[in-house]
Amino acid sequence: MKIEYKQSYIKIATSILLMVLFSYASIGQRGDMRERIKEKIKVEKIGYITSELDLSSDEATKFWPVYNEYEAKKESNREQLQDLYNKDQSDAGQSLNQYLKLKEEEYLIEKTYIEKFKKVLPPKKVLKLLTSEKKFKEELIKKVKQRMRKDRDF
């Protein structure tokens, strides 16, 4: 019982520390509102995933660098897709080929990182990560819709 309490305390302390560090970094940056929103979402996602996966301090130390690398690669791929969507579609054939290439790359990123995650976490937690990311996105979309309704009502 005492060990569980200590592990729980360490997880909570780690989560709070991460949130404070990311919050402090975002306060120091008086940049674009979009960047501040992205940072806030990132902090919430870190807390959510940490809680959902119930990471030990050893697991967290190994997991977060790999996860941050994964997120950076996914973000780069998303930005390229977004650029493609915003691009003049005069050569639709080339655009479709580029789209398929980016979607294939998206799949390969996920496949590669699932293998990397399995090296630092048990398979059950890797699967939980995938479902947790999906649930986080769903909750985020729900919050945005609620906020939009609330703003519209004023």
N, C-alpha and C. Protein backbone atom coordinates (compact mmCIF):
# COMPACT_ATOMS: atom_id res chain seq x y z
N MET A 1 0.83 -1.19 0.00
CA MET A 1 0.00 0.00 0.00
C MET A 1 0.87 1.25 0.00
N LYS A 2 1.93 1.25 0.81
CA LYS A 2 2.81 2.41 0.92
C LYS A 2 3.56 2.64 -0.39
N ILE A 3 3.97 1.57 -1.07
CA ILE A 3 4.68 1.68 -2.35
C ILE A 3 3.76 2.28 -3.40
N GLU A 4 2.48 1.82 -3.44
CA GLU A 4 1.51 2.35 -4.41
C GLU A 4 1.32 3.84 -4.18
N TYR A 5 1.24 4.26 -2.93
CA TYR A 5 1.07 5.67 -2.61
C TYR A 5 2.26 6.47 -3.12
N LYS A 6 3.48 5.94 -2.91
CA LYS A 6 4.68 6.63 -3.35
C LYS A 6 4.72 6.74 -4.87
N GLN A 7 4.39 5.65 -5.57
CA GLN A 7 4.38 5.68 -7.04
C GLN A 7 3.34 6.65 -7.55
N SER A 8 2.19 6.66 -6.91
CA SER A 8 1.12 7.58 -7.30
C SER A 8 1.58 9.03 -7.09
N TYR A 9 2.24 9.28 -5.98
CA TYR A 9 2.75 10.62 -5.68
C TYR A 9 3.78 11.04 -6.73
N ILE A 10 4.66 10.14 -7.12
CA ILE A 10 5.69 10.43 -8.13
C ILE A 10 5.03 10.76 -9.46
N LYS A 11 4.02 10.02 -9.86
CA LYS A 11 3.33 10.26 -11.13
C LYS A 11 2.65 11.63 -11.12
N ILE A 12 1.98 11.94 -10.03
CA ILE A 12 1.30 13.23 -9.93
C ILE A 12 2.31 14.35 -9.95
N ALA A 13 3.39 14.21 -9.21
CA ALA A 13 4.43 15.24 -9.16
C ALA A 13 5.06 15.44 -10.54
N THR A 14 5.32 14.34 -11.24
CA THR A 14 5.90 14.42 -12.58
C THR A 14 4.95 15.14 -13.53
N SER A 15 3.67 14.80 -13.47
CA SER A 15 2.68 15.44 -14.34
C SER A 15 2.61 16.94 -14.06
N ILE A 16 2.57 17.30 -12.79
CA ILE A 16 2.49 18.71 -12.42
C ILE A 16 3.74 19.45 -12.88
N LEU A 17 4.90 18.84 -12.69
CA LEU A 17 6.15 19.46 -13.11
C LEU A 17 6.15 19.71 -14.62
N LEU A 18 5.74 18.71 -15.39
CA LEU A 18 5.68 18.86 -16.85
C LEU A 18 4.72 19.97 -17.25
N MET A 19 3.56 20.01 -16.60
CA MET A 19 2.58 21.05 -16.94
C MET A 19 3.12 22.44 -16.59
N VAL A 20 3.77 22.57 -15.45
CA VAL A 20 4.32 23.86 -15.05
C VAL A 20 5.40 24.30 -16.01
N LEU A 21 6.30 23.37 -16.39
CA LEU A 21 7.36 23.72 -17.33
C LEU A 21 6.80 24.18 -18.67
N PHE A 22 5.82 23.45 -19.20
CA PHE A 22 5.24 23.84 -20.48
C PHE A 22 4.45 25.14 -20.35
N SER A 23 3.75 25.31 -19.22
CA SER A 23 3.00 26.55 -19.02
C SER A 23 3.95 27.74 -18.92
N TYR A 24 5.03 27.57 -18.18
CA TYR A 24 6.01 28.65 -18.01
C TYR A 24 6.62 29.03 -19.36
N ALA A 25 6.93 28.01 -20.16
CA ALA A 25 7.49 28.27 -21.48
C ALA A 25 6.50 29.02 -22.36
N SER A 26 5.22 28.66 -22.27
CA SER A 26 4.24 29.32 -23.12
C SER A 26 3.94 30.74 -22.63
N ILE A 27 4.05 31.00 -21.32
CA ILE A 27 3.84 32.36 -20.80
C ILE A 27 4.96 33.27 -21.27
N GLY A 28 6.18 32.74 -21.29
CA GLY A 28 7.33 33.53 -21.72
C GLY A 28 7.25 33.91 -23.18
N GLN A 29 6.53 33.16 -23.95
CA GLN A 29 6.39 33.45 -25.37
C GLN A 29 5.11 34.26 -25.58
N ARG A 30 5.29 35.48 -25.99
CA ARG A 30 4.13 36.33 -26.25
C ARG A 30 3.77 36.26 -27.73
N GLY A 31 4.05 35.11 -28.32
CA GLY A 31 3.86 34.94 -29.76
C GLY A 31 2.42 34.79 -30.15
N ASP A 32 2.27 34.18 -31.22
CA ASP A 32 0.99 33.97 -31.86
C ASP A 32 0.01 33.22 -30.97
N MET A 33 -1.24 33.62 -31.01
CA MET A 33 -2.29 32.97 -30.21
C MET A 33 -2.40 31.49 -30.58
N ARG A 34 -2.22 31.19 -31.83
CA ARG A 34 -2.30 29.81 -32.28
C ARG A 34 -1.24 28.94 -31.60
N GLU A 35 -0.03 29.48 -31.48
CA GLU A 35 1.05 28.73 -30.82
C GLU A 35 0.74 28.51 -29.34
N ARG A 36 0.16 29.52 -28.70
CA ARG A 36 -0.19 29.36 -27.28
C ARG A 36 -1.27 28.31 -27.10
N ILE A 37 -2.22 28.28 -28.03
CA ILE A 37 -3.27 27.26 -27.96
C ILE A 37 -2.67 25.87 -28.17
N LYS A 38 -1.76 25.76 -29.14
CA LYS A 38 -1.09 24.47 -29.38
C LYS A 38 -0.34 24.00 -28.14
N GLU A 39 0.35 24.93 -27.47
CA GLU A 39 1.10 24.57 -26.25
C GLU A 39 0.15 24.13 -25.15
N LYS A 40 -0.98 24.82 -25.01
CA LYS A 40 -1.95 24.46 -23.98
C LYS A 40 -2.49 23.05 -24.25
N ILE A 41 -2.80 22.78 -25.50
CA ILE A 41 -3.30 21.45 -25.86
C ILE A 41 -2.23 20.40 -25.59
N LYS A 42 -1.00 20.72 -25.91
CA LYS A 42 0.11 19.78 -25.68
C LYS A 42 0.24 19.44 -24.19
N VAL A 43 0.13 20.46 -23.35
CA VAL A 43 0.22 20.23 -21.90
C VAL A 43 -0.93 19.35 -21.42
N GLU A 44 -2.13 19.65 -21.91
CA GLU A 44 -3.28 18.84 -21.52
C GLU A 44 -3.12 17.40 -22.00
N LYS A 45 -2.58 17.24 -23.20
CA LYS A 45 -2.40 15.90 -23.76
C LYS A 45 -1.37 15.11 -22.95
N ILE A 46 -0.29 15.77 -22.54
CA ILE A 46 0.73 15.10 -21.72
C ILE A 46 0.12 14.61 -20.42
N GLY A 47 -0.64 15.47 -19.76
CA GLY A 47 -1.29 15.07 -18.52
C GLY A 47 -2.27 13.93 -18.73
N TYR A 48 -3.04 14.02 -19.80
CA TYR A 48 -4.04 13.01 -20.11
C TYR A 48 -3.38 11.65 -20.37
N ILE A 49 -2.37 11.65 -21.23
CA ILE A 49 -1.70 10.39 -21.57
C ILE A 49 -0.98 9.81 -20.36
N THR A 50 -0.31 10.65 -19.59
CA THR A 50 0.38 10.18 -18.38
C THR A 50 -0.61 9.49 -17.45
N SER A 51 -1.76 10.12 -17.28
CA SER A 51 -2.78 9.57 -16.40
C SER A 51 -3.36 8.27 -16.96
N GLU A 52 -3.70 8.27 -18.23
CA GLU A 52 -4.31 7.10 -18.86
C GLU A 52 -3.38 5.89 -18.88
N LEU A 53 -2.09 6.14 -19.16
CA LEU A 53 -1.15 5.03 -19.26
C LEU A 53 -0.62 4.58 -17.90
N ASP A 54 -0.82 5.42 -16.89
CA ASP A 54 -0.34 5.09 -15.55
C ASP A 54 1.15 4.72 -15.60
N LEU A 55 1.93 5.66 -16.16
CA LEU A 55 3.37 5.43 -16.36
C LEU A 55 4.14 5.47 -15.05
N SER A 56 5.04 4.53 -14.88
CA SER A 56 5.97 4.61 -13.76
C SER A 56 6.99 5.69 -14.11
N SER A 57 7.78 6.13 -13.15
CA SER A 57 8.77 7.18 -13.46
C SER A 57 9.81 6.66 -14.45
N ASP A 58 10.18 5.39 -14.34
CA ASP A 58 11.13 4.79 -15.28
C ASP A 58 10.53 4.74 -16.69
N GLU A 59 9.27 4.31 -16.79
CA GLU A 59 8.60 4.26 -18.08
C GLU A 59 8.48 5.66 -18.69
N ALA A 60 8.12 6.63 -17.87
CA ALA A 60 7.96 8.01 -18.35
C ALA A 60 9.27 8.56 -18.90
N THR A 61 10.36 8.27 -18.20
CA THR A 61 11.68 8.74 -18.63
C THR A 61 12.05 8.20 -20.01
N LYS A 62 11.69 6.96 -20.26
CA LYS A 62 12.01 6.34 -21.55
C LYS A 62 10.97 6.69 -22.62
N PHE A 63 9.72 6.80 -22.21
CA PHE A 63 8.62 7.00 -23.15
C PHE A 63 8.57 8.39 -23.78
N TRP A 64 8.65 9.45 -22.95
CA TRP A 64 8.40 10.80 -23.47
C TRP A 64 9.36 11.25 -24.57
N PRO A 65 10.64 10.95 -24.51
CA PRO A 65 11.50 11.35 -25.65
C PRO A 65 11.07 10.68 -26.96
N VAL A 66 10.69 9.40 -26.89
CA VAL A 66 10.26 8.69 -28.09
C VAL A 66 8.93 9.28 -28.58
N TYR A 67 8.03 9.55 -27.65
CA TYR A 67 6.73 10.10 -28.02
C TYR A 67 6.88 11.49 -28.64
N ASN A 68 7.75 12.31 -28.09
CA ASN A 68 7.95 13.66 -28.64
C ASN A 68 8.51 13.59 -30.06
N GLU A 69 9.39 12.65 -30.31
CA GLU A 69 9.93 12.42 -31.65
C GLU A 69 8.80 12.00 -32.60
N TYR A 70 7.97 11.10 -32.13
CA TYR A 70 6.81 10.62 -32.89
C TYR A 70 5.87 11.77 -33.24
N GLU A 71 5.55 12.58 -32.26
CA GLU A 71 4.67 13.73 -32.47
C GLU A 71 5.26 14.70 -33.49
N ALA A 72 6.55 14.94 -33.42
CA ALA A 72 7.20 15.87 -34.36
C ALA A 72 7.09 15.35 -35.79
N LYS A 73 7.29 14.06 -35.97
CA LYS A 73 7.19 13.48 -37.32
C LYS A 73 5.75 13.52 -37.83
N LYS A 74 4.80 13.23 -36.94
CA LYS A 74 3.39 13.29 -37.34
C LYS A 74 3.00 14.73 -37.70
N GLU A 75 3.48 15.69 -36.92
CA GLU A 75 3.17 17.11 -37.17
C GLU A 75 3.73 17.55 -38.52
N SER A 76 4.95 17.15 -38.83
CA SER A 76 5.55 17.48 -40.11
C SER A 76 4.73 16.91 -41.26
N ASN A 77 4.29 15.68 -41.11
CA ASN A 77 3.46 15.04 -42.13
C ASN A 77 2.12 15.78 -42.28
N ARG A 78 1.50 16.16 -41.15
CA ARG A 78 0.22 16.89 -41.19
C ARG A 78 0.38 18.23 -41.89
N GLU A 79 1.50 18.92 -41.61
CA GLU A 79 1.75 20.22 -42.25
C GLU A 79 1.90 20.06 -43.76
N GLN A 80 2.58 19.01 -44.19
CA GLN A 80 2.74 18.77 -45.62
C GLN A 80 1.39 18.46 -46.28
N LEU A 81 0.55 17.69 -45.58
CA LEU A 81 -0.79 17.42 -46.10
C LEU A 81 -1.60 18.71 -46.20
N GLN A 82 -1.50 19.54 -45.16
CA GLN A 82 -2.23 20.81 -45.16
C GLN A 82 -1.76 21.70 -46.30
N ASP A 83 -0.47 21.74 -46.53
CA ASP A 83 0.07 22.51 -47.67
C ASP A 83 -0.50 21.98 -48.98
N LEU A 84 -0.61 20.68 -49.08
CA LEU A 84 -1.15 20.06 -50.29
C LEU A 84 -2.61 20.46 -50.48
N TYR A 85 -3.39 20.47 -49.40
CA TYR A 85 -4.80 20.85 -49.48
C TYR A 85 -4.95 22.32 -49.91
N ASN A 86 -4.02 23.15 -49.47
CA ASN A 86 -4.10 24.58 -49.77
C ASN A 86 -3.49 24.94 -51.12
N LYS A 87 -2.85 23.99 -51.75
CA LYS A 87 -2.14 24.20 -53.00
C LYS A 87 -3.12 24.33 -54.17
N ASP A 88 -2.71 25.08 -55.17
CA ASP A 88 -3.48 25.17 -56.41
C ASP A 88 -3.55 23.77 -57.02
N GLN A 89 -4.72 23.33 -57.32
CA GLN A 89 -4.94 21.96 -57.79
C GLN A 89 -4.91 21.85 -59.31
N SER A 90 -4.06 22.63 -59.96
CA SER A 90 -4.00 22.62 -61.42
C SER A 90 -3.52 21.27 -61.96
N ASP A 91 -2.64 20.61 -61.25
CA ASP A 91 -2.19 19.28 -61.67
C ASP A 91 -2.72 18.26 -60.65
N ALA A 92 -3.96 17.87 -60.85
CA ALA A 92 -4.63 16.98 -59.89
C ALA A 92 -3.94 15.62 -59.79
N GLY A 93 -3.43 15.12 -60.89
CA GLY A 93 -2.75 13.82 -60.86
C GLY A 93 -1.54 13.84 -59.95
N GLN A 94 -0.74 14.89 -60.07
CA GLN A 94 0.45 15.02 -59.22
C GLN A 94 0.04 15.20 -57.76
N SER A 95 -1.01 15.98 -57.52
CA SER A 95 -1.49 16.20 -56.16
C SER A 95 -1.97 14.90 -55.52
N LEU A 96 -2.67 14.09 -56.30
CA LEU A 96 -3.14 12.80 -55.77
C LEU A 96 -1.98 11.88 -55.44
N ASN A 97 -0.97 11.87 -56.29
CA ASN A 97 0.22 11.05 -56.02
C ASN A 97 0.91 11.51 -54.75
N GLN A 98 1.03 12.82 -54.58
CA GLN A 98 1.66 13.38 -53.37
C GLN A 98 0.82 13.04 -52.14
N TYR A 99 -0.50 13.12 -52.27
CA TYR A 99 -1.41 12.78 -51.17
C TYR A 99 -1.19 11.33 -50.74
N LEU A 100 -1.15 10.42 -51.71
CA LEU A 100 -0.96 9.00 -51.39
C LEU A 100 0.40 8.75 -50.73
N LYS A 101 1.40 9.46 -51.22
CA LYS A 101 2.75 9.32 -50.64
C LYS A 101 2.74 9.77 -49.18
N LEU A 102 2.07 10.88 -48.89
CA LEU A 102 2.01 11.39 -47.51
C LEU A 102 1.19 10.48 -46.61
N LYS A 103 0.11 9.91 -47.12
CA LYS A 103 -0.69 8.98 -46.32
C LYS A 103 0.09 7.70 -46.03
N GLU A 104 0.87 7.25 -47.01
CA GLU A 104 1.72 6.08 -46.79
C GLU A 104 2.78 6.39 -45.73
N GLU A 105 3.35 7.58 -45.82
CA GLU A 105 4.35 8.00 -44.83
C GLU A 105 3.73 8.06 -43.44
N GLU A 106 2.50 8.53 -43.36
CA GLU A 106 1.78 8.59 -42.07
C GLU A 106 1.67 7.18 -41.47
N TYR A 107 1.31 6.22 -42.30
CA TYR A 107 1.21 4.83 -41.86
C TYR A 107 2.57 4.31 -41.39
N LEU A 108 3.62 4.59 -42.16
CA LEU A 108 4.96 4.11 -41.81
C LEU A 108 5.46 4.73 -40.51
N ILE A 109 5.14 5.99 -40.27
CA ILE A 109 5.52 6.64 -39.01
C ILE A 109 4.86 5.89 -37.85
N GLU A 110 3.57 5.65 -37.97
CA GLU A 110 2.86 4.96 -36.89
C GLU A 110 3.41 3.55 -36.68
N LYS A 111 3.64 2.84 -37.77
CA LYS A 111 4.18 1.47 -37.67
C LYS A 111 5.55 1.47 -36.99
N THR A 112 6.43 2.37 -37.41
CA THR A 112 7.77 2.47 -36.85
C THR A 112 7.73 2.78 -35.36
N TYR A 113 6.89 3.74 -34.99
CA TYR A 113 6.87 4.16 -33.59
C TYR A 113 6.14 3.20 -32.68
N ILE A 114 5.21 2.45 -33.20
CA ILE A 114 4.60 1.40 -32.37
C ILE A 114 5.69 0.42 -31.95
N GLU A 115 6.57 0.08 -32.88
CA GLU A 115 7.68 -0.82 -32.54
C GLU A 115 8.61 -0.18 -31.51
N LYS A 116 8.89 1.11 -31.66
CA LYS A 116 9.75 1.81 -30.69
C LYS A 116 9.07 1.88 -29.32
N PHE A 117 7.76 2.13 -29.30
CA PHE A 117 7.05 2.19 -28.03
C PHE A 117 7.07 0.84 -27.33
N LYS A 118 6.99 -0.24 -28.10
CA LYS A 118 7.02 -1.59 -27.51
C LYS A 118 8.36 -1.89 -26.85
N LYS A 119 9.40 -1.14 -27.20
CA LYS A 119 10.70 -1.34 -26.56
C LYS A 119 10.78 -0.65 -25.20
N VAL A 120 9.89 0.33 -24.94
CA VAL A 120 9.94 1.05 -23.67
C VAL A 120 8.69 0.86 -22.81
N LEU A 121 7.63 0.27 -23.41
CA LEU A 121 6.39 0.02 -22.67
C LEU A 121 5.88 -1.37 -22.98
N PRO A 122 5.11 -1.95 -22.07
CA PRO A 122 4.47 -3.23 -22.37
C PRO A 122 3.42 -3.02 -23.49
N PRO A 123 3.17 -4.06 -24.30
CA PRO A 123 2.21 -3.94 -25.40
C PRO A 123 0.84 -3.41 -24.98
N LYS A 124 0.36 -3.79 -23.80
CA LYS A 124 -0.94 -3.30 -23.32
C LYS A 124 -0.95 -1.77 -23.22
N LYS A 125 0.15 -1.22 -22.74
CA LYS A 125 0.23 0.24 -22.60
C LYS A 125 0.37 0.91 -23.96
N VAL A 126 1.02 0.25 -24.90
CA VAL A 126 1.12 0.81 -26.26
C VAL A 126 -0.27 0.88 -26.88
N LEU A 127 -1.03 -0.18 -26.72
CA LEU A 127 -2.40 -0.19 -27.23
C LEU A 127 -3.24 0.87 -26.52
N LYS A 128 -3.05 1.00 -25.23
CA LYS A 128 -3.76 2.02 -24.45
C LYS A 128 -3.38 3.42 -24.93
N LEU A 129 -2.12 3.60 -25.33
CA LEU A 129 -1.68 4.89 -25.87
C LEU A 129 -2.50 5.25 -27.10
N LEU A 130 -2.67 4.30 -28.00
CA LEU A 130 -3.40 4.56 -29.24
C LEU A 130 -4.86 4.93 -28.94
N THR A 131 -5.49 4.20 -28.04
CA THR A 131 -6.88 4.51 -27.69
C THR A 131 -6.96 5.82 -26.92
N SER A 132 -5.96 6.10 -26.09
CA SER A 132 -5.95 7.35 -25.32
C SER A 132 -5.81 8.56 -26.23
N GLU A 133 -4.97 8.45 -27.25
CA GLU A 133 -4.83 9.56 -28.20
C GLU A 133 -6.16 9.83 -28.90
N LYS A 134 -6.83 8.77 -29.29
CA LYS A 134 -8.13 8.91 -29.96
C LYS A 134 -9.15 9.55 -29.03
N LYS A 135 -9.21 9.08 -27.78
CA LYS A 135 -10.15 9.64 -26.81
C LYS A 135 -9.83 11.10 -26.52
N PHE A 136 -8.54 11.44 -26.44
CA PHE A 136 -8.15 12.83 -26.20
C PHE A 136 -8.65 13.73 -27.33
N LYS A 137 -8.45 13.29 -28.57
CA LYS A 137 -8.91 14.07 -29.73
C LYS A 137 -10.42 14.26 -29.68
N GLU A 138 -11.15 13.19 -29.37
CA GLU A 138 -12.61 13.27 -29.29
C GLU A 138 -13.05 14.26 -28.21
N GLU A 139 -12.40 14.22 -27.05
CA GLU A 139 -12.73 15.14 -25.97
C GLU A 139 -12.38 16.58 -26.34
N LEU A 140 -11.27 16.76 -27.03
CA LEU A 140 -10.85 18.09 -27.47
C LEU A 140 -11.87 18.66 -28.46
N ILE A 141 -12.30 17.86 -29.40
CA ILE A 141 -13.30 18.31 -30.38
C ILE A 141 -14.61 18.67 -29.66
N LYS A 142 -14.97 17.86 -28.70
CA LYS A 142 -16.19 18.12 -27.93
C LYS A 142 -16.08 19.47 -27.20
N LYS A 143 -14.92 19.73 -26.58
CA LYS A 143 -14.71 21.01 -25.88
C LYS A 143 -14.77 22.19 -26.84
N VAL A 144 -14.17 22.03 -28.01
CA VAL A 144 -14.18 23.12 -29.00
C VAL A 144 -15.60 23.41 -29.44
N LYS A 145 -16.38 22.35 -29.70
CA LYS A 145 -17.77 22.54 -30.12
C LYS A 145 -18.58 23.24 -29.02
N GLN A 146 -18.36 22.83 -27.77
CA GLN A 146 -19.07 23.47 -26.66
C GLN A 146 -18.69 24.94 -26.56
N ARG A 147 -17.41 25.22 -26.73
CA ARG A 147 -16.93 26.61 -26.67
C ARG A 147 -17.53 27.44 -27.80
N MET A 148 -17.61 26.84 -28.98
CA MET A 148 -18.20 27.56 -30.11
C MET A 148 -19.68 27.85 -29.87
N ARG A 149 -20.40 26.88 -29.32
CA ARG A 149 -21.82 27.09 -28.99
C ARG A 149 -21.97 28.19 -27.95
N LYS A 150 -21.09 28.15 -26.95
CA LYS A 150 -21.15 29.14 -25.87
C LYS A 150 -20.86 30.54 -26.43
N ASP A 151 -19.85 30.64 -27.27
CA ASP A 151 -19.50 31.94 -27.88
C ASP A 151 -20.62 32.44 -28.78
N ARG A 152 -21.27 31.54 -29.47
CA ARG A 152 -22.36 31.90 -30.38
C ARG A 152 -23.57 32.42 -29.61
N ASP A 153 -23.78 31.89 -28.40
CA ASP A 153 -24.92 32.28 -27.59
C ASP A 153 -24.78 33.66 -26.98
N PHE A 154 -23.57 34.21 -26.97
CA PHE A 154 -23.37 35.55 -26.39
C PHE A 154 -23.62 36.63 -27.35
